[in-house]
PDB file of N, CA and C in Angstrom:
ATOM      1  N   UNK A   1     -44.679  10.289  41.811  1.00  0.00           N
ATOM      2  CA  UNK A   1     -46.051   9.900  41.553  1.00  0.00           C
ATOM      3  C   UNK A   1     -46.184   8.388  41.660  1.00  0.00           C
ATOM      4  N   UNK A   2     -47.339   7.974  42.011  1.00  0.00           N
ATOM      5  CA  UNK A   2     -47.602   6.557  42.186  1.00  0.00           C
ATOM      6  C   UNK A   2     -47.997   5.913  40.861  1.00  0.00           C
ATOM      7  N   UNK A   3     -47.629   4.641  40.699  1.00  0.00           N
ATOM      8  CA  UNK A   3     -47.969   3.920  39.475  1.00  0.00           C
ATOM      9  C   UNK A   3     -49.436   3.510  39.422  1.00  0.00           C
ATOM     10  N   UNK A   4     -50.141   3.586  40.547  1.00  0.00           N
ATOM     11  CA  UNK A   4     -51.530   3.136  40.576  1.00  0.00           C
ATOM     12  C   UNK A   4     -52.534   4.285  40.403  1.00  0.00           C
ATOM     13  N   UNK A   5     -52.097   5.373  39.798  1.00  0.00           N
ATOM     14  CA  UNK A   5     -52.989   6.498  39.534  1.00  0.00           C
ATOM     15  C   UNK A   5     -53.965   6.099  38.431  1.00  0.00           C
ATOM     16  N   UNK A   6     -55.238   6.371  38.666  1.00  0.00           N
ATOM     17  CA  UNK A   6     -56.247   6.083  37.651  1.00  0.00           C
ATOM     18  C   UNK A   6     -56.422   7.305  36.764  1.00  0.00           C
ATOM     19  N   UNK A   7     -56.498   7.073  35.466  1.00  0.00           N
ATOM     20  CA  UNK A   7     -56.681   8.148  34.509  1.00  0.00           C
ATOM     21  C   UNK A   7     -58.084   8.068  33.928  1.00  0.00           C
ATOM     22  N   UNK A   8     -58.692   9.222  33.770  1.00  0.00           N
ATOM     23  CA  UNK A   8     -60.007   9.227  33.156  1.00  0.00           C
ATOM     24  C   UNK A   8     -59.860   9.206  31.641  1.00  0.00           C
ATOM     25  N   UNK A   9     -60.852   8.680  30.982  1.00  0.00           N
ATOM     26  CA  UNK A   9     -60.842   8.662  29.527  1.00  0.00           C
ATOM     27  C   UNK A   9     -61.412   9.977  29.020  1.00  0.00           C
ATOM     28  N   UNK A  10     -60.686  10.605  28.130  1.00  0.00           N
ATOM     29  CA  UNK A  10     -61.114  11.875  27.545  1.00  0.00           C
ATOM     30  C   UNK A  10     -61.326  11.633  26.057  1.00  0.00           C
ATOM     31  N   UNK A  11     -62.489  12.005  25.565  1.00  0.00           N
ATOM     32  CA  UNK A  11     -62.785  11.768  24.153  1.00  0.00           C
ATOM     33  C   UNK A  11     -62.343  12.952  23.296  1.00  0.00           C
ATOM     34  N   UNK A  12     -62.109  12.664  22.033  1.00  0.00           N
ATOM     35  CA  UNK A  12     -61.737  13.732  21.108  1.00  0.00           C
ATOM     36  C   UNK A  12     -62.895  14.712  20.918  1.00  0.00           C
ATOM     37  N   UNK A  13     -64.130  14.220  21.002  1.00  0.00           N
ATOM     38  CA  UNK A  13     -65.288  15.116  20.892  1.00  0.00           C
ATOM     39  C   UNK A  13     -65.297  16.146  22.017  1.00  0.00           C
ATOM     40  N   UNK A  14     -65.008  15.683  23.226  1.00  0.00           N
ATOM     41  CA  UNK A  14     -64.985  16.608  24.362  1.00  0.00           C
ATOM     42  C   UNK A  14     -63.853  17.619  24.209  1.00  0.00           C
ATOM     43  N   UNK A  15     -62.691  17.140  23.804  1.00  0.00           N
ATOM     44  CA  UNK A  15     -61.552  18.041  23.600  1.00  0.00           C
ATOM     45  C   UNK A  15     -61.896  19.072  22.534  1.00  0.00           C
ATOM     46  N   UNK A  16     -62.479  18.629  21.436  1.00  0.00           N
ATOM     47  CA  UNK A  16     -62.846  19.554  20.360  1.00  0.00           C
ATOM     48  C   UNK A  16     -63.835  20.610  20.842  1.00  0.00           C
ATOM     49  N   UNK A  17     -64.823  20.192  21.636  1.00  0.00           N
ATOM     50  CA  UNK A  17     -65.816  21.143  22.164  1.00  0.00           C
ATOM     51  C   UNK A  17     -65.168  22.164  23.088  1.00  0.00           C
ATOM     52  N   UNK A  18     -64.298  21.705  23.964  1.00  0.00           N
ATOM     53  CA  UNK A  18     -63.654  22.607  24.922  1.00  0.00           C
ATOM     54  C   UNK A  18     -62.723  23.578  24.200  1.00  0.00           C
ATOM     55  N   UNK A  19     -61.948  23.075  23.258  1.00  0.00           N
ATOM     56  CA  UNK A  19     -61.046  23.948  22.496  1.00  0.00           C
ATOM     57  C   UNK A  19     -61.855  24.998  21.737  1.00  0.00           C
ATOM     58  N   UNK A  20     -62.938  24.587  21.112  1.00  0.00           N
ATOM     59  CA  UNK A  20     -63.783  25.540  20.377  1.00  0.00           C
ATOM     60  C   UNK A  20     -64.373  26.590  21.321  1.00  0.00           C
ATOM     61  N   UNK A  21     -64.812  26.161  22.491  1.00  0.00           N
ATOM     62  CA  UNK A  21     -65.381  27.098  23.463  1.00  0.00           C
ATOM     63  C   UNK A  21     -64.327  28.092  23.950  1.00  0.00           C
ATOM     64  N   UNK A  22     -63.126  27.611  24.197  1.00  0.00           N
ATOM     65  CA  UNK A  22     -62.052  28.506  24.637  1.00  0.00           C
ATOM     66  C   UNK A  22     -61.671  29.494  23.541  1.00  0.00           C
ATOM     67  N   UNK A  23     -61.638  29.018  22.306  1.00  0.00           N
ATOM     68  CA  UNK A  23     -61.333  29.916  21.190  1.00  0.00           C
ATOM     69  C   UNK A  23     -62.418  30.975  21.032  1.00  0.00           C
ATOM     70  N   UNK A  24     -63.670  30.562  21.175  1.00  0.00           N
ATOM     71  CA  UNK A  24     -64.778  31.514  21.092  1.00  0.00           C
ATOM     72  C   UNK A  24     -64.689  32.532  22.226  1.00  0.00           C
ATOM     73  N   UNK A  25     -64.404  32.060  23.417  1.00  0.00           N
ATOM     74  CA  UNK A  25     -64.278  32.954  24.570  1.00  0.00           C
ATOM     75  C   UNK A  25     -63.153  33.959  24.362  1.00  0.00           C
ATOM     76  N   UNK A  26     -62.055  33.513  23.800  1.00  0.00           N
ATOM     77  CA  UNK A  26     -60.916  34.420  23.612  1.00  0.00           C
ATOM     78  C   UNK A  26     -61.240  35.554  22.641  1.00  0.00           C
ATOM     79  N   UNK A  27     -62.208  35.349  21.754  1.00  0.00           N
ATOM     80  CA  UNK A  27     -62.584  36.424  20.833  1.00  0.00           C
ATOM     81  C   UNK A  27     -63.389  37.516  21.528  1.00  0.00           C
ATOM     82  N   UNK A  28     -63.898  37.229  22.718  1.00  0.00           N
ATOM     83  CA  UNK A  28     -64.707  38.207  23.441  1.00  0.00           C
ATOM     84  C   UNK A  28     -63.908  38.979  24.479  1.00  0.00           C
ATOM     85  N   UNK A  29     -62.635  38.641  24.628  1.00  0.00           N
ATOM     86  CA  UNK A  29     -61.796  39.224  25.672  1.00  0.00           C
ATOM     87  C   UNK A  29     -60.913  40.317  25.084  1.00  0.00           C
ATOM     88  N   UNK A  30     -60.805  41.414  25.790  1.00  0.00           N
ATOM     89  CA  UNK A  30     -59.946  42.506  25.334  1.00  0.00           C
ATOM     90  C   UNK A  30     -58.525  42.386  25.870  1.00  0.00           C
ATOM     91  N   UNK A  31     -58.370  41.855  27.051  1.00  0.00           N
ATOM     92  CA  UNK A  31     -57.059  41.760  27.690  1.00  0.00           C
ATOM     93  C   UNK A  31     -56.158  40.768  26.952  1.00  0.00           C
ATOM     94  N   UNK A  32     -54.985  41.241  26.556  1.00  0.00           N
ATOM     95  CA  UNK A  32     -54.020  40.366  25.891  1.00  0.00           C
ATOM     96  C   UNK A  32     -53.505  39.292  26.849  1.00  0.00           C
ATOM     97  N   UNK A  33     -53.411  39.622  28.116  1.00  0.00           N
ATOM     98  CA  UNK A  33     -52.948  38.655  29.114  1.00  0.00           C
ATOM     99  C   UNK A  33     -53.944  37.510  29.249  1.00  0.00           C
ATOM    100  N   UNK A  34     -55.215  37.847  29.338  1.00  0.00           N
ATOM    101  CA  UNK A  34     -56.245  36.807  29.447  1.00  0.00           C
ATOM    102  C   UNK A  34     -56.296  35.985  28.162  1.00  0.00           C
ATOM    103  N   UNK A  35     -56.184  36.635  27.015  1.00  0.00           N
ATOM    104  CA  UNK A  35     -56.160  35.903  25.745  1.00  0.00           C
ATOM    105  C   UNK A  35     -55.009  34.907  25.721  1.00  0.00           C
ATOM    106  N   UNK A  36     -53.856  35.324  26.199  1.00  0.00           N
ATOM    107  CA  UNK A  36     -52.694  34.435  26.218  1.00  0.00           C
ATOM    108  C   UNK A  36     -52.950  33.228  27.118  1.00  0.00           C
ATOM    109  N   UNK A  37     -53.568  33.462  28.271  1.00  0.00           N
ATOM    110  CA  UNK A  37     -53.892  32.347  29.167  1.00  0.00           C
ATOM    111  C   UNK A  37     -54.913  31.408  28.529  1.00  0.00           C
ATOM    112  N   UNK A  38     -55.914  31.962  27.863  1.00  0.00           N
ATOM    113  CA  UNK A  38     -56.919  31.134  27.201  1.00  0.00           C
ATOM    114  C   UNK A  38     -56.297  30.317  26.071  1.00  0.00           C
ATOM    115  N   UNK A  39     -55.394  30.917  25.316  1.00  0.00           N
ATOM    116  CA  UNK A  39     -54.714  30.188  24.242  1.00  0.00           C
ATOM    117  C   UNK A  39     -53.846  29.068  24.804  1.00  0.00           C
ATOM    118  N   UNK A  40     -53.158  29.351  25.900  1.00  0.00           N
ATOM    119  CA  UNK A  40     -52.338  28.318  26.536  1.00  0.00           C
ATOM    120  C   UNK A  40     -53.216  27.179  27.055  1.00  0.00           C
ATOM    121  N   UNK A  41     -54.325  27.538  27.650  1.00  0.00           N
ATOM    122  CA  UNK A  41     -55.266  26.532  28.145  1.00  0.00           C
ATOM    123  C   UNK A  41     -55.798  25.684  26.993  1.00  0.00           C
ATOM    124  N   UNK A  42     -56.167  26.339  25.909  1.00  0.00           N
ATOM    125  CA  UNK A  42     -56.671  25.639  24.736  1.00  0.00           C
ATOM    126  C   UNK A  42     -55.630  24.663  24.196  1.00  0.00           C
ATOM    127  N   UNK A  43     -54.397  25.102  24.129  1.00  0.00           N
ATOM    128  CA  UNK A  43     -53.311  24.241  23.657  1.00  0.00           C
ATOM    129  C   UNK A  43     -53.119  23.045  24.581  1.00  0.00           C
ATOM    130  N   UNK A  44     -53.153  23.291  25.876  1.00  0.00           N
ATOM    131  CA  UNK A  44     -52.986  22.201  26.844  1.00  0.00           C
ATOM    132  C   UNK A  44     -54.109  21.178  26.731  1.00  0.00           C
ATOM    133  N   UNK A  45     -55.331  21.646  26.566  1.00  0.00           N
ATOM    134  CA  UNK A  45     -56.467  20.733  26.416  1.00  0.00           C
ATOM    135  C   UNK A  45     -56.318  19.940  25.117  1.00  0.00           C
ATOM    136  N   UNK A  46     -55.952  20.608  24.046  1.00  0.00           N
ATOM    137  CA  UNK A  46     -55.767  19.952  22.750  1.00  0.00           C
ATOM    138  C   UNK A  46     -54.765  18.801  22.862  1.00  0.00           C
ATOM    139  N   UNK A  47     -53.649  19.061  23.520  1.00  0.00           N
ATOM    140  CA  UNK A  47     -52.602  18.048  23.613  1.00  0.00           C
ATOM    141  C   UNK A  47     -52.908  16.937  24.614  1.00  0.00           C
ATOM    142  N   UNK A  48     -53.998  17.050  25.352  1.00  0.00           N
ATOM    143  CA  UNK A  48     -54.398  15.939  26.214  1.00  0.00           C
ATOM    144  C   UNK A  48     -54.656  14.684  25.395  1.00  0.00           C
ATOM    145  N   UNK A  49     -55.141  14.874  24.180  1.00  0.00           N
ATOM    146  CA  UNK A  49     -55.492  13.715  23.363  1.00  0.00           C
ATOM    147  C   UNK A  49     -54.718  13.664  22.054  1.00  0.00           C
ATOM    148  N   UNK A  50     -54.535  14.786  21.396  1.00  0.00           N
ATOM    149  CA  UNK A  50     -53.965  14.760  20.054  1.00  0.00           C
ATOM    150  C   UNK A  50     -52.459  14.578  20.035  1.00  0.00           C
ATOM    151  N   UNK A  51     -51.750  14.997  21.047  1.00  0.00           N
ATOM    152  CA  UNK A  51     -50.303  14.812  21.087  1.00  0.00           C
ATOM    153  C   UNK A  51     -49.955  13.330  21.077  1.00  0.00           C
ATOM    154  N   UNK A  52     -50.659  12.542  21.889  1.00  0.00           N
ATOM    155  CA  UNK A  52     -50.402  11.107  21.960  1.00  0.00           C
ATOM    156  C   UNK A  52     -50.713  10.419  20.638  1.00  0.00           C
ATOM    157  N   UNK A  53     -51.797  10.818  19.984  1.00  0.00           N
ATOM    158  CA  UNK A  53     -52.173  10.212  18.707  1.00  0.00           C
ATOM    159  C   UNK A  53     -51.146  10.523  17.630  1.00  0.00           C
ATOM    160  N   UNK A  54     -50.653  11.759  17.596  1.00  0.00           N
ATOM    161  CA  UNK A  54     -49.670  12.145  16.592  1.00  0.00           C
ATOM    162  C   UNK A  54     -48.361  11.393  16.800  1.00  0.00           C
ATOM    163  N   UNK A  55     -47.945  11.227  18.049  1.00  0.00           N
ATOM    164  CA  UNK A  55     -46.719  10.490  18.328  1.00  0.00           C
ATOM    165  C   UNK A  55     -46.862   9.035  17.903  1.00  0.00           C
ATOM    166  N   UNK A  56     -48.028   8.449  18.141  1.00  0.00           N
ATOM    167  CA  UNK A  56     -48.263   7.060  17.752  1.00  0.00           C
ATOM    168  C   UNK A  56     -48.239   6.915  16.231  1.00  0.00           C
ATOM    169  N   UNK A  57     -48.829   7.876  15.531  1.00  0.00           N
ATOM    170  CA  UNK A  57     -48.826   7.838  14.070  1.00  0.00           C
ATOM    171  C   UNK A  57     -47.411   7.983  13.523  1.00  0.00           C
ATOM    172  N   UNK A  58     -46.634   8.879  14.118  1.00  0.00           N
ATOM    173  CA  UNK A  58     -45.259   9.084  13.665  1.00  0.00           C
ATOM    174  C   UNK A  58     -44.396   7.856  13.945  1.00  0.00           C
ATOM    175  N   UNK A  59     -44.640   7.180  15.045  1.00  0.00           N
ATOM    176  CA  UNK A  59     -43.872   5.986  15.384  1.00  0.00           C
ATOM    177  C   UNK A  59     -44.209   4.833  14.439  1.00  0.00           C
ATOM    178  N   UNK A  60     -45.460   4.785  13.979  1.00  0.00           N
ATOM    179  CA  UNK A  60     -45.892   3.712  13.085  1.00  0.00           C
ATOM    180  C   UNK A  60     -45.385   3.927  11.659  1.00  0.00           C
ATOM    181  N   UNK A  61     -45.058   5.153  11.327  1.00  0.00           N
ATOM    182  CA  UNK A  61     -44.627   5.468   9.949  1.00  0.00           C
ATOM    183  C   UNK A  61     -43.208   5.040   9.673  1.00  0.00           C
TER     184      UNK A  61
END
């Protein structure tokens, strides 16, 4: 990967909205396979922002 890749800024509000929407959607799905994919997607979106913040907090402690 190139070092000059531009990253977009993602807000915690947007992440929270998307995670909530995915969780709501997963309650309407009967397929366990689709639920698993939605949960994985939700987790991936969550860690776009919160994983970095938690690591920074742990490093500061």
